[in-house]
Amino acid sequence: NPLPHSPRNTGEFHDAFGNKITVHAVANPAKFGVEPVIHTERAVGFGLIEIDRATRRVTFTNWPAWVDMAQPGAKPYPGWPISFDASACGLPRGRWTLPPIEDTKGEVVAVSREGDLIYKFRPRSGRFVPPVPGPGDYTVQIGSAKPVTQPARNG
């Protein structure tokens, strides 16, 4: 299931353990026309991760070893950079939620079920409605406060 307008070997796959993964970008070996070919045709380079804490935007960029990224017009490998909203990663998606937490004070919120951690997330200060994967009772712990068990609601 390849991603449109992306280099080869991107898309949805199963890894060696059968886990579903999505590859958004790769740096495949290719002929780049840069000497020495023994290094440049192996897709050597380095990665750069930029994190904007205010917006929770994360950007991954993969640069060829022969490119000076500080130069005007410098370009990373094809298909890069990849950006995403970090708050969208790992949180359950769906209609089930727990009762709102009116002020998290920016502390870590841990949500678990029957002793198994579902996720930990540091919401911004203010109101946070913890998403959960489905119906049932979940335990919520905010920072170092005592854990509280709450039922999920469909909403």
C-alpha atoms as a PDB file:
ATOM      1  CA  ASN A   1       0.000   0.000   0.000  1.00  0.00           C
ATOM      2  CA  PRO A   2       2.475   2.690  -1.169  1.00  0.00           C
ATOM      3  CA  LEU A   3       2.167   6.316  -0.164  1.00  0.00           C
ATOM      4  CA  PRO A   4       1.313   8.595  -3.097  1.00  0.00           C
ATOM      5  CA  HIS A   5       4.117  10.815  -4.445  1.00  0.00           C
ATOM      6  CA  SER A   6       6.734   9.191  -2.192  1.00  0.00           C
ATOM      7  CA  PRO A   7       9.943   7.308  -2.969  1.00  0.00           C
ATOM      8  CA  ARG A   8       9.956   3.545  -3.373  1.00  0.00           C
ATOM      9  CA  ASN A   9       9.714   1.382  -0.262  1.00  0.00           C
ATOM     10  CA  THR A  10       7.318   3.732   1.505  1.00  0.00           C
ATOM     11  CA  GLY A  11       3.831   2.803   2.595  1.00  0.00           C
ATOM     12  CA  GLU A  12       2.236   0.213   4.854  1.00  0.00           C
ATOM     13  CA  PHE A  13       4.133  -2.970   5.692  1.00  0.00           C
ATOM     14  CA  HIS A  14       4.458  -5.722   8.268  1.00  0.00           C
ATOM     15  CA  ASP A  15       7.823  -6.004  10.011  1.00  0.00           C
ATOM     16  CA  ALA A  16       9.621  -9.294  10.709  1.00  0.00           C
ATOM     17  CA  PHE A  17       7.484  -9.795  13.842  1.00  0.00           C
ATOM     18  CA  GLY A  18       4.168  -9.190  12.060  1.00  0.00           C
ATOM     19  CA  ASN A  19       3.674  -5.676  13.465  1.00  0.00           C
ATOM     20  CA  LYS A  20       1.960  -3.168  11.192  1.00  0.00           C
ATOM     21  CA  ILE A  21       4.223  -0.225  10.327  1.00  0.00           C
ATOM     22  CA  THR A  22       3.976   2.760   8.014  1.00  0.00           C
ATOM     23  CA  VAL A  23       7.165   3.988   6.349  1.00  0.00           C
ATOM     24  CA  HIS A  24       6.794   7.649   5.392  1.00  0.00           C
ATOM     25  CA  ALA A  25      10.295   8.259   4.020  1.00  0.00           C
ATOM     26  CA  VAL A  26      13.486   6.331   3.319  1.00  0.00           C
ATOM     27  CA  ALA A  27      16.980   7.045   2.048  1.00  0.00           C
ATOM     28  CA  ASN A  28      17.571   4.192  -0.354  1.00  0.00           C
ATOM     29  CA  PRO A  29      20.913   3.580  -2.014  1.00  0.00           C
ATOM     30  CA  ALA A  30      20.917   5.175  -5.468  1.00  0.00           C
ATOM     31  CA  LYS A  31      23.216   6.757  -8.037  1.00  0.00           C
ATOM     32  CA  PHE A  32      23.485  10.398  -6.975  1.00  0.00           C
ATOM     33  CA  GLY A  33      26.351  11.359  -9.288  1.00  0.00           C
ATOM     34  CA  VAL A  34      28.556  12.437  -6.386  1.00  0.00           C
ATOM     35  CA  GLU A  35      32.094  11.141  -5.794  1.00  0.00           C
ATOM     36  CA  PRO A  36      33.292   8.926  -4.206  1.00  0.00           C
ATOM     37  CA  VAL A  37      30.546   6.565  -5.268  1.00  0.00           C
ATOM     38  CA  ILE A  38      31.588   3.929  -2.726  1.00  0.00           C
ATOM     39  CA  HIS A  39      30.073   6.207  -0.063  1.00  0.00           C
ATOM     40  CA  THR A  40      27.443   8.243  -1.870  1.00  0.00           C
ATOM     41  CA  GLU A  41      25.655   5.297  -3.489  1.00  0.00           C
ATOM     42  CA  ARG A  42      25.042   3.733  -0.089  1.00  0.00           C
ATOM     43  CA  ALA A  43      22.774   6.569   1.079  1.00  0.00           C
ATOM     44  CA  VAL A  44      25.141   7.701   3.823  1.00  0.00           C
ATOM     45  CA  GLY A  45      24.279  10.815   5.775  1.00  0.00           C
ATOM     46  CA  PHE A  46      22.804  12.001   9.016  1.00  0.00           C
ATOM     47  CA  GLY A  47      19.446  12.674  10.567  1.00  0.00           C
ATOM     48  CA  LEU A  48      18.193  15.821  12.222  1.00  0.00           C
ATOM     49  CA  ILE A  49      15.207  15.962  14.568  1.00  0.00           C
ATOM     50  CA  GLU A  50      13.603  19.314  15.347  1.00  0.00           C
ATOM     51  CA  ILE A  51      11.070  19.568  18.168  1.00  0.00           C
ATOM     52  CA  ASP A  52       8.890  22.626  18.648  1.00  0.00           C
ATOM     53  CA  ARG A  53       7.764  22.308  22.251  1.00  0.00           C
ATOM     54  CA  ALA A  54       5.174  25.066  21.928  1.00  0.00           C
ATOM     55  CA  THR A  55       3.291  23.456  19.023  1.00  0.00           C
ATOM     56  CA  ARG A  56       4.350  19.811  19.626  1.00  0.00           C
ATOM     57  CA  ARG A  57       5.447  19.625  16.004  1.00  0.00           C
ATOM     58  CA  VAL A  58       8.273  17.150  15.350  1.00  0.00           C
ATOM     59  CA  THR A  59      10.240  17.213  12.091  1.00  0.00           C
ATOM     60  CA  PHE A  60      12.641  14.486  10.969  1.00  0.00           C
ATOM     61  CA  THR A  61      15.086  15.278   8.159  1.00  0.00           C
ATOM     62  CA  ASN A  62      17.587  12.906   6.556  1.00  0.00           C
ATOM     63  CA  TRP A  63      20.536  14.675   4.919  1.00  0.00           C
ATOM     64  CA  PRO A  64      23.074  13.203   2.485  1.00  0.00           C
ATOM     65  CA  ALA A  65      26.622  13.300   3.888  1.00  0.00           C
ATOM     66  CA  TRP A  66      27.856  15.482   0.993  1.00  0.00           C
ATOM     67  CA  VAL A  67      25.247  18.251   1.463  1.00  0.00           C
ATOM     68  CA  ASP A  68      25.977  21.357   3.542  1.00  0.00           C
ATOM     69  CA  MET A  69      22.512  21.970   4.969  1.00  0.00           C
ATOM     70  CA  ALA A  70      23.443  25.559   5.873  1.00  0.00           C
ATOM     71  CA  GLN A  71      23.815  26.509   2.199  1.00  0.00           C
ATOM     72  CA  PRO A  72      20.910  28.134   0.342  1.00  0.00           C
ATOM     73  CA  GLY A  73      19.077  25.585  -1.773  1.00  0.00           C
ATOM     74  CA  ALA A  74      20.397  22.606   0.209  1.00  0.00           C
ATOM     75  CA  LYS A  75      18.028  19.661  -0.053  1.00  0.00           C
ATOM     76  CA  PRO A  76      17.665  16.522   2.065  1.00  0.00           C
ATOM     77  CA  TYR A  77      17.139  13.075   0.590  1.00  0.00           C
ATOM     78  CA  PRO A  78      13.980  12.792  -1.559  1.00  0.00           C
ATOM     79  CA  GLY A  79      10.820  12.376   0.514  1.00  0.00           C
ATOM     80  CA  TRP A  80      12.240  14.233   3.523  1.00  0.00           C
ATOM     81  CA  PRO A  81      11.493  16.063   5.790  1.00  0.00           C
ATOM     82  CA  ILE A  82       8.637  14.308   7.589  1.00  0.00           C
ATOM     83  CA  SER A  83       6.624  16.295  10.158  1.00  0.00           C
ATOM     84  CA  PHE A  84       3.887  15.303  12.546  1.00  0.00           C
ATOM     85  CA  ASP A  85       2.016  16.448  15.628  1.00  0.00           C
ATOM     86  CA  ALA A  86       3.509  14.530  18.569  1.00  0.00           C
ATOM     87  CA  SER A  87       0.248  14.701  20.529  1.00  0.00           C
ATOM     88  CA  ALA A  88      -1.385  12.555  17.826  1.00  0.00           C
ATOM     89  CA  CYS A  89       1.058   9.692  18.411  1.00  0.00           C
ATOM     90  CA  GLY A  90       0.132   6.954  20.807  1.00  0.00           C
ATOM     91  CA  LEU A  91      -3.152   8.416  22.021  1.00  0.00           C
ATOM     92  CA  PRO A  92      -6.213   6.263  21.322  1.00  0.00           C
ATOM     93  CA  ARG A  93      -8.471   7.511  18.565  1.00  0.00           C
ATOM     94  CA  GLY A  94     -12.179   7.024  18.787  1.00  0.00           C
ATOM     95  CA  ARG A  95     -15.213   8.105  20.729  1.00  0.00           C
ATOM     96  CA  TRP A  96     -14.396   6.702  24.174  1.00  0.00           C
ATOM     97  CA  THR A  97     -13.133   9.149  26.791  1.00  0.00           C
ATOM     98  CA  LEU A  98     -12.754   9.538  30.520  1.00  0.00           C
ATOM     99  CA  PRO A  99     -14.197  12.445  32.491  1.00  0.00           C
ATOM    100  CA  PRO A 100     -12.341  15.715  31.828  1.00  0.00           C
ATOM    101  CA  ILE A 101      -9.435  16.760  33.982  1.00  0.00           C
ATOM    102  CA  GLU A 102      -9.997  20.457  34.545  1.00  0.00           C
ATOM    103  CA  ASP A 103      -6.380  21.499  35.161  1.00  0.00           C
ATOM    104  CA  THR A 104      -3.464  19.154  34.692  1.00  0.00           C
ATOM    105  CA  LYS A 105      -1.005  21.955  35.562  1.00  0.00           C
ATOM    106  CA  GLY A 106       1.160  20.522  32.781  1.00  0.00           C
ATOM    107  CA  GLU A 107       1.853  17.316  34.709  1.00  0.00           C
ATOM    108  CA  VAL A 108       2.105  13.877  33.122  1.00  0.00           C
ATOM    109  CA  VAL A 109      -1.203  12.001  32.908  1.00  0.00           C
ATOM    110  CA  ALA A 110      -0.874   8.196  32.992  1.00  0.00           C
ATOM    111  CA  VAL A 111      -3.838   6.058  31.869  1.00  0.00           C
ATOM    112  CA  SER A 112      -3.832   2.319  32.555  1.00  0.00           C
ATOM    113  CA  ARG A 113      -6.258  -0.582  32.562  1.00  0.00           C
ATOM    114  CA  GLU A 114      -5.970  -3.603  34.822  1.00  0.00           C
ATOM    115  CA  GLY A 115      -2.386  -2.647  35.614  1.00  0.00           C
ATOM    116  CA  ASP A 116      -1.317  -2.293  31.963  1.00  0.00           C
ATOM    117  CA  LEU A 117      -0.190   1.179  30.916  1.00  0.00           C
ATOM    118  CA  ILE A 118      -2.174   2.489  27.932  1.00  0.00           C
ATOM    119  CA  TYR A 119      -0.253   5.768  27.595  1.00  0.00           C
ATOM    120  CA  LYS A 120       1.453   8.629  29.365  1.00  0.00           C
ATOM    121  CA  PHE A 121       0.922  12.117  28.046  1.00  0.00           C
ATOM    122  CA  ARG A 122       1.823  15.606  29.207  1.00  0.00           C
ATOM    123  CA  PRO A 123      -1.107  17.830  28.182  1.00  0.00           C
ATOM    124  CA  ARG A 124      -0.769  21.551  28.238  1.00  0.00           C
ATOM    125  CA  SER A 125      -2.096  23.221  31.367  1.00  0.00           C
ATOM    126  CA  GLY A 126      -5.843  23.456  31.248  1.00  0.00           C
ATOM    127  CA  ARG A 127      -8.663  21.032  30.469  1.00  0.00           C
ATOM    128  CA  PHE A 128      -7.756  17.574  29.152  1.00  0.00           C
ATOM    129  CA  VAL A 129     -10.241  14.854  28.177  1.00  0.00           C
ATOM    130  CA  PRO A 130      -8.296  11.550  28.271  1.00  0.00           C
ATOM    131  CA  PRO A 131      -9.115   9.351  25.270  1.00  0.00           C
ATOM    132  CA  VAL A 132      -9.317   5.580  25.805  1.00  0.00           C
ATOM    133  CA  PRO A 133      -9.545   2.683  23.348  1.00  0.00           C
ATOM    134  CA  GLY A 134     -12.970   1.426  24.449  1.00  0.00           C
ATOM    135  CA  PRO A 135     -15.427   0.843  27.280  1.00  0.00           C
ATOM    136  CA  GLY A 136     -14.300  -0.252  30.724  1.00  0.00           C
ATOM    137  CA  ASP A 137     -12.705   1.060  33.884  1.00  0.00           C
ATOM    138  CA  TYR A 138      -9.393   2.878  33.600  1.00  0.00           C
ATOM    139  CA  THR A 139      -6.968   4.163  36.207  1.00  0.00           C
ATOM    140  CA  VAL A 140      -5.740   7.725  35.849  1.00  0.00           C
ATOM    141  CA  GLN A 141      -2.747   9.172  37.647  1.00  0.00           C
ATOM    142  CA  ILE A 142      -1.775  12.828  37.369  1.00  0.00           C
ATOM    143  CA  GLY A 143       1.828  13.544  38.284  1.00  0.00           C
ATOM    144  CA  SER A 144       2.580  12.023  41.673  1.00  0.00           C
ATOM    145  CA  ALA A 145      -1.075  12.144  42.841  1.00  0.00           C
ATOM    146  CA  LYS A 146      -2.856   8.983  43.968  1.00  0.00           C
ATOM    147  CA  PRO A 147      -4.289   6.961  41.009  1.00  0.00           C
ATOM    148  CA  VAL A 148      -8.079   7.172  40.495  1.00  0.00           C
ATOM    149  CA  THR A 149     -10.187   4.540  38.659  1.00  0.00           C
ATOM    150  CA  GLN A 150     -12.883   5.902  36.323  1.00  0.00           C
ATOM    151  CA  PRO A 151     -15.318   4.363  33.823  1.00  0.00           C
ATOM    152  CA  ALA A 152     -15.024   5.270  30.136  1.00  0.00           C
ATOM    153  CA  ARG A 153     -17.908   6.972  28.379  1.00  0.00           C
ATOM    154  CA  ASN A 154     -18.921   7.011  24.756  1.00  0.00           C
ATOM    155  CA  GLY A 155     -18.975  10.538  23.631  1.00  0.00           C
END
